[in-house]
Amino acid sequence: MNYLSHIIFLKFLQETVHILRFSIMNTILLLLIATSMSCSPDYVFPYAMQQPAQTFTLPASLHEISGLTISADGKHLIAVQDEAAKLMVINKADGELLSEVPFGEDGDFEGVEVAGDDIYAIKSSGSIYRICHFGKKNQRADKIKTSLDKTNNVEGIAFDAANNRLLLACKGNAGTGETYLFKRAIYAFDLSSQSLNPNPVYLISIEDIRRYLEQHPGLPGHKKLSDTFAPGITDFSFCPSGIAIHPGTGDLYILSSVGKMLLVLSADGQIRHIEKLDKDIHAQPEGICFDKDGTLYVANEGRVKGPVIYRFYPKS
């Protein structure tokens, strides 16, 4: 092969390699696009709410169980009973009531949450009780007044560890004025400053729910939910009765005993899912909490079959 032929052959090789490289890159790009299209972006709700893995039947003293949380060491469930200033310690394994610990004067307590070394109980009037040194001789409960009141009807409390705050879910008025009509509010109580943000950190409107249902026609229970939130209704049948934050995703899980549903809200305030609950199972869902592994617990008042706590494991 002479010099000129050698040059021509090398150029041919270079062009061939370039074409092959371009073809391979295009193939990889198409495969990536196809893979991304085959992976559904839709949210998959990870719990079978109509099939509890375990049911704990509670004693009559918890007939009106209204709030639920996990103890700081993760070994027990802790509940509050409406109208009683007592923390009920429950065996997480079998639902046995282990002890009842008074912490103050009775009142309309609607939620309880562990945050660090302390336990917080919330009244429907918006007053927070910080219980320090729980179960010890020097236990004390400090009452913290907030700007919320009975018209807001606070029913749920959750610890937002990422922002070092308590989230307070309101069953009643979201705020004052027409701006808050047909909306439900979640307020934030900052644990560092021990103060309430005067404005809701989350607002859920009936329009948000309608829009979500329009975009998800295949949602289980869609017809019942659509009828509940149909245009022209005079009542907003989403009334938070409990709230908890998923330990893995940071999503907010919000129970509504009214309408029997569970709404999942992302950390940035977008509705991710609405689960219609079976009223024969969830007669009056009032308390909700997560274990650190994502195990979900839901407490129901004893309206029909007596008070119960259900355990749900996340789907694999």
Protein backbone atom coordinates (compact mmCIF):
# COMPACT_ATOMS: atom_id res chain seq x y z
CA MET A 1 0.00 0.00 0.00
CA ASN A 2 1.51 3.33 -1.08
CA TYR A 3 1.44 6.47 1.03
CA LEU A 4 -1.64 7.98 -0.65
CA SER A 5 -3.62 4.77 -0.31
CA HIS A 6 -2.64 4.58 3.33
CA ILE A 7 -3.93 8.11 3.95
CA ILE A 8 -7.21 7.31 2.17
CA PHE A 9 -7.63 4.11 4.20
CA LEU A 10 -7.03 5.93 7.50
CA LYS A 11 -9.57 8.58 6.58
CA PHE A 12 -12.07 5.86 5.72
CA LEU A 13 -11.49 4.28 9.13
CA GLN A 14 -11.97 7.60 10.92
CA GLU A 15 -15.27 8.27 9.14
CA THR A 16 -16.46 4.74 9.84
CA VAL A 17 -15.65 5.09 13.56
CA HIS A 18 -17.45 8.47 13.64
CA ILE A 19 -20.57 6.98 12.01
CA LEU A 20 -20.54 4.03 14.40
CA ARG A 21 -20.07 6.29 17.40
CA PHE A 22 -22.97 8.50 16.28
CA SER A 23 -25.17 5.43 15.73
CA ILE A 24 -24.32 4.00 19.15
CA MET A 25 -25.02 7.31 20.90
CA ASN A 26 -28.37 7.61 19.13
CA THR A 27 -29.26 4.06 20.13
CA ILE A 28 -28.39 4.76 23.77
CA LEU A 29 -30.41 7.98 23.71
CA LEU A 30 -33.45 6.20 22.27
CA LEU A 31 -33.15 3.48 24.89
CA LEU A 32 -33.03 6.06 27.66
CA ILE A 33 -36.09 7.83 26.29
CA ALA A 34 -37.98 4.56 25.94
CA THR A 35 -37.03 3.55 29.48
CA SER A 36 -38.14 6.86 30.94
CA MET A 37 -41.44 6.64 29.04
CA SER A 38 -42.03 3.09 30.25
CA CYS A 39 -41.60 4.19 33.91
CA SER A 40 -44.94 5.64 34.96
CA PRO A 41 -44.60 9.00 36.74
CA ASP A 42 -47.89 8.37 38.57
CA TYR A 43 -47.78 8.12 42.33
CA VAL A 44 -48.35 4.63 43.72
CA PHE A 45 -50.04 4.63 47.14
CA PRO A 46 -48.07 2.17 49.28
CA TYR A 47 -50.74 0.87 51.68
CA ALA A 48 -53.77 -1.43 51.39
CA MET A 49 -56.07 0.55 53.65
CA GLN A 50 -58.92 -1.95 53.34
CA GLN A 51 -56.71 -4.85 54.48
CA PRO A 52 -55.05 -4.17 57.85
CA ALA A 53 -52.14 -6.45 58.64
CA GLN A 54 -53.16 -6.42 62.28
CA THR A 55 -56.06 -5.11 64.37
CA PHE A 56 -55.73 -4.09 68.02
CA THR A 57 -59.00 -3.95 69.93
CA LEU A 58 -58.72 -1.29 72.62
CA PRO A 59 -60.34 -1.08 76.08
CA ALA A 60 -63.38 1.10 76.77
CA SER A 61 -61.15 3.77 78.35
CA LEU A 62 -60.02 4.57 74.79
CA HIS A 63 -63.52 4.65 73.31
CA GLU A 64 -62.91 8.19 72.03
CA ILE A 65 -59.27 7.80 71.05
CA SER A 66 -58.41 11.03 69.24
CA GLY A 67 -54.66 11.04 68.61
CA LEU A 68 -51.77 8.62 68.13
CA THR A 69 -47.98 8.74 68.03
CA ILE A 70 -44.88 6.54 68.51
CA SER A 71 -42.78 6.79 71.66
CA ALA A 72 -39.30 8.30 71.42
CA ASP A 73 -37.65 4.86 71.74
CA GLY A 74 -40.00 3.39 69.14
CA LYS A 75 -41.23 0.66 71.48
CA HIS A 76 -44.75 1.85 72.21
CA LEU A 77 -47.72 3.70 70.83
CA ILE A 78 -48.98 6.72 72.78
CA ALA A 79 -52.57 7.89 72.48
CA VAL A 80 -54.87 10.58 73.82
CA GLN A 81 -58.53 10.18 74.58
CA ASP A 82 -60.92 13.03 73.87
CA GLU A 83 -61.82 15.01 77.05
CA ALA A 84 -59.08 13.36 79.14
CA ALA A 85 -55.67 14.85 79.95
CA LYS A 86 -53.98 11.45 79.98
CA LEU A 87 -51.35 9.85 77.81
CA MET A 88 -52.16 6.20 77.14
CA VAL A 89 -49.12 3.97 76.61
CA ILE A 90 -49.92 1.00 74.36
CA ASN A 91 -47.83 -2.08 73.55
CA LYS A 92 -46.92 -1.76 69.87
CA ALA A 93 -46.78 -5.53 69.44
CA ASP A 94 -50.24 -6.52 70.66
CA GLY A 95 -52.21 -3.35 71.47
CA GLU A 96 -52.29 -3.91 75.23
CA LEU A 97 -52.86 -0.77 77.28
CA LEU A 98 -49.81 -0.59 79.56
CA SER A 99 -50.39 2.61 81.51
CA GLU A 100 -52.34 5.85 81.77
CA VAL A 101 -50.29 8.92 82.65
CA PRO A 102 -52.17 12.12 83.65
CA PHE A 103 -50.56 15.39 82.62
CA GLY A 104 -53.06 18.16 83.45
CA GLU A 105 -56.67 19.24 83.55
CA ASP A 106 -59.13 17.45 81.31
CA GLY A 107 -60.19 19.11 78.08
CA ASP A 108 -60.87 18.51 74.40
CA PHE A 109 -57.55 16.91 73.43
CA GLU A 110 -57.45 15.95 69.76
CA GLY A 111 -53.85 15.01 68.97
CA VAL A 112 -50.53 13.93 70.42
CA GLU A 113 -47.00 13.88 69.01
CA VAL A 114 -43.49 13.05 70.15
CA ALA A 115 -40.86 15.62 69.20
CA GLY A 116 -37.38 14.93 70.51
CA ASP A 117 -37.48 14.36 74.26
CA ASP A 118 -40.90 15.98 74.70
CA ILE A 119 -44.49 15.04 73.98
CA TYR A 120 -46.98 17.60 72.69
CA ALA A 121 -50.75 17.35 73.06
CA ILE A 122 -53.10 19.67 71.21
CA LYS A 123 -56.55 20.94 72.15
CA SER A 124 -59.20 21.79 69.60
CA SER A 125 -58.97 25.38 70.88
CA GLY A 126 -55.38 25.61 69.63
CA SER A 127 -53.65 25.36 73.01
CA ILE A 128 -50.54 23.17 73.03
CA TYR A 129 -49.35 21.21 76.05
CA ARG A 130 -45.65 20.43 76.16
CA ILE A 131 -45.07 17.41 78.42
CA CYS A 132 -41.48 17.20 79.65
CA HIS A 133 -39.80 14.31 81.51
CA PHE A 134 -42.69 12.02 80.59
CA GLY A 135 -43.38 9.30 83.16
CA LYS A 136 -40.78 10.57 85.63
CA LYS A 137 -41.21 12.12 89.06
CA ASN A 138 -40.36 15.57 87.71
CA GLN A 139 -42.84 15.34 84.81
CA ARG A 140 -44.51 18.65 84.02
CA ALA A 141 -46.84 20.05 81.37
CA ASP A 142 -46.45 23.60 80.09
CA LYS A 143 -49.47 25.16 78.41
CA ILE A 144 -48.76 27.25 75.31
CA LYS A 145 -51.50 29.51 73.97
CA THR A 146 -51.62 30.13 70.22
CA SER A 147 -53.67 32.49 68.09
CA LEU A 148 -55.83 29.58 66.92
CA ASP A 149 -59.20 29.07 68.60
CA LYS A 150 -62.27 26.84 68.64
CA THR A 151 -63.45 28.14 65.27
CA ASN A 152 -60.28 26.70 63.72
CA ASN A 153 -60.95 23.40 65.53
CA VAL A 154 -57.45 21.92 65.57
CA GLU A 155 -57.66 18.12 65.25
CA GLY A 156 -54.20 16.94 64.23
CA ILE A 157 -50.57 17.49 65.19
CA ALA A 158 -47.39 16.20 63.52
CA PHE A 159 -43.68 16.74 64.08
CA ASP A 160 -41.93 18.12 60.99
CA ALA A 161 -38.36 17.25 61.96
CA ALA A 162 -36.86 18.68 58.77
CA ASN A 163 -38.11 22.14 59.74
CA ASN A 164 -38.13 21.69 63.54
CA ARG A 165 -41.80 22.55 63.81
CA LEU A 166 -45.18 21.12 64.69
CA LEU A 167 -47.85 21.05 62.02
CA LEU A 168 -51.38 21.75 63.27
CA ALA A 169 -54.21 20.55 61.03
CA CYS A 170 -57.50 22.44 61.36
CA LYS A 171 -60.88 20.81 60.89
CA GLY A 172 -62.74 24.13 61.01
CA ASN A 173 -62.06 27.61 59.66
CA ALA A 174 -58.83 27.94 57.70
CA GLY A 175 -58.67 31.64 58.50
CA THR A 176 -60.71 34.84 58.52
CA GLY A 177 -62.32 36.21 55.38
CA GLU A 178 -63.55 34.98 52.00
CA THR A 179 -60.01 34.03 50.98
CA TYR A 180 -60.27 30.99 53.24
CA LEU A 181 -63.72 29.76 52.21
CA PHE A 182 -63.84 26.11 51.10
CA LYS A 183 -60.28 25.57 52.30
CA ARG A 184 -58.59 23.65 55.09
CA ALA A 185 -55.43 24.93 56.73
CA ILE A 186 -52.32 23.50 58.32
CA TYR A 187 -50.42 25.89 60.56
CA ALA A 188 -46.85 25.60 61.82
CA PHE A 189 -45.59 26.06 65.37
CA ASP A 190 -41.84 26.72 65.41
CA LEU A 191 -40.13 24.77 68.18
CA SER A 192 -37.06 27.02 68.33
CA SER A 193 -38.97 30.25 68.85
CA GLN A 194 -41.99 28.54 70.47
CA SER A 195 -44.26 30.62 68.26
CA LEU A 196 -47.02 30.04 65.72
CA ASN A 197 -46.70 31.25 62.15
CA PRO A 198 -49.77 33.51 61.77
CA ASN A 199 -50.32 32.29 58.20
CA PRO A 200 -51.07 28.71 57.14
CA VAL A 201 -48.09 26.84 55.70
CA TYR A 202 -50.45 24.58 53.72
CA LEU A 203 -53.90 25.26 52.30
CA ILE A 204 -56.06 22.58 50.70
CA SER A 205 -59.00 23.89 48.70
CA ILE A 206 -62.02 22.16 47.27
CA GLU A 207 -60.79 23.30 43.85
CA ASP A 208 -57.46 21.55 44.43
CA ILE A 209 -59.31 18.31 45.16
CA ARG A 210 -61.63 18.68 42.15
CA ARG A 211 -58.67 19.33 39.87
CA TYR A 212 -56.88 16.27 41.21
CA LEU A 213 -59.95 14.08 40.64
CA GLU A 214 -60.35 15.39 37.09
CA GLN A 215 -56.75 14.42 36.36
CA HIS A 216 -57.09 10.94 37.92
CA PRO A 217 -60.32 9.38 36.56
CA GLY A 218 -59.06 5.86 37.31
CA LEU A 219 -58.63 6.49 41.02
CA PRO A 220 -60.33 3.82 43.20
CA GLY A 221 -63.50 5.27 44.70
CA HIS A 222 -63.42 8.06 42.10
CA LYS A 223 -67.20 8.33 41.69
CA LYS A 224 -67.90 8.62 45.42
CA LEU A 225 -65.15 11.19 45.81
CA SER A 226 -66.37 13.17 42.78
CA ASP A 227 -69.91 13.19 44.17
CA THR A 228 -68.58 14.37 47.55
CA PHE A 229 -66.81 17.34 45.96
CA ALA A 230 -69.21 18.04 43.10
CA PRO A 231 -69.76 21.66 42.00
CA GLY A 232 -72.55 23.36 43.89
CA ILE A 233 -72.06 21.60 47.23
CA THR A 234 -72.46 23.74 50.32
CA ASP A 235 -70.23 21.72 52.68
CA PHE A 236 -66.54 21.00 52.25
CA SER A 237 -66.41 17.34 53.31
CA PHE A 238 -62.68 17.21 53.90
CA CYS A 239 -62.11 17.90 57.58
CA PRO A 240 -58.70 16.84 58.93
CA SER A 241 -58.94 14.59 61.97
CA GLY A 242 -55.30 13.46 62.10
CA ILE A 243 -51.96 14.14 60.43
CA ALA A 244 -48.59 12.39 60.20
CA ILE A 245 -45.43 12.70 58.11
CA HIS A 246 -44.08 9.68 56.26
CA PRO A 247 -40.52 9.02 57.48
CA GLY A 248 -39.20 8.06 54.04
CA THR A 249 -40.89 10.44 51.60
CA GLY A 250 -41.73 13.43 53.79
CA ASP A 251 -45.30 13.32 52.46
CA LEU A 252 -48.12 14.49 54.74
CA TYR A 253 -50.82 11.89 55.40
CA ILE A 254 -54.04 13.64 56.45
CA LEU A 255 -57.04 11.72 57.74
CA SER A 256 -60.58 13.01 57.39
CA SER A 257 -63.19 11.20 59.45
CA VAL A 258 -65.81 13.29 57.66
CA GLY A 259 -66.12 11.72 54.23
CA LYS A 260 -63.88 8.79 55.29
CA MET A 261 -60.73 9.56 53.33
CA LEU A 262 -56.97 9.85 53.55
CA LEU A 263 -55.25 12.60 51.57
CA VAL A 264 -51.53 12.50 50.79
CA LEU A 265 -49.86 15.88 50.35
CA SER A 266 -46.29 16.36 49.15
CA ALA A 267 -43.88 18.47 51.17
CA ASP A 268 -44.37 21.30 48.64
CA GLY A 269 -48.16 21.20 49.04
CA GLN A 270 -49.28 19.18 46.00
CA ILE A 271 -51.98 16.52 46.31
CA ARG A 272 -50.36 13.18 45.54
CA HIS A 273 -53.22 10.83 46.34
CA ILE A 274 -56.71 10.59 47.84
CA GLU A 275 -57.69 7.25 49.33
CA LYS A 276 -61.40 6.56 49.90
CA LEU A 277 -61.68 4.60 53.13
CA ASP A 278 -64.14 1.79 53.72
CA LYS A 279 -66.55 2.98 56.43
CA ASP A 280 -67.06 -0.60 57.61
CA ILE A 281 -63.37 -0.72 58.54
CA HIS A 282 -62.65 2.94 59.29
CA ALA A 283 -65.77 3.90 61.22
CA GLN A 284 -64.21 7.07 62.65
CA PRO A 285 -60.50 7.48 61.84
CA GLU A 286 -59.00 9.99 64.27
CA GLY A 287 -55.35 9.10 64.92
CA ILE A 288 -52.46 8.35 62.59
CA CYS A 289 -48.72 7.82 62.96
CA PHE A 290 -45.74 6.08 61.35
CA ASP A 291 -43.00 3.88 62.68
CA LYS A 292 -39.51 4.67 61.42
CA ASP A 293 -39.68 1.78 58.91
CA GLY A 294 -42.83 3.17 57.30
CA THR A 295 -45.31 0.96 59.16
CA LEU A 296 -48.57 2.89 59.39
CA TYR A 297 -50.96 2.93 62.36
CA VAL A 298 -54.50 4.31 62.21
CA ALA A 299 -56.76 4.65 65.28
CA ASN A 300 -60.55 4.61 65.05
CA GLU A 301 -62.95 5.73 67.75
CA GLY A 302 -65.40 3.14 69.04
CA ARG A 303 -68.43 4.38 67.16
CA VAL A 304 -69.58 0.96 65.89
CA LYS A 305 -67.39 -1.97 66.95
CA GLY A 306 -65.39 -0.39 69.72
CA PRO A 307 -62.06 1.49 69.49
CA VAL A 308 -59.34 -0.10 67.37
CA ILE A 309 -55.86 0.53 66.04
CA TYR A 310 -54.97 -0.88 62.64
CA ARG A 311 -51.44 -1.68 61.51
CA PHE A 312 -50.52 -1.44 57.81
CA TYR A 313 -47.20 -2.48 56.29
CA PRO A 314 -45.98 -0.70 53.15
CA LYS A 315 -46.25 -2.70 49.95
CA SER A 316 -42.97 -4.09 48.67
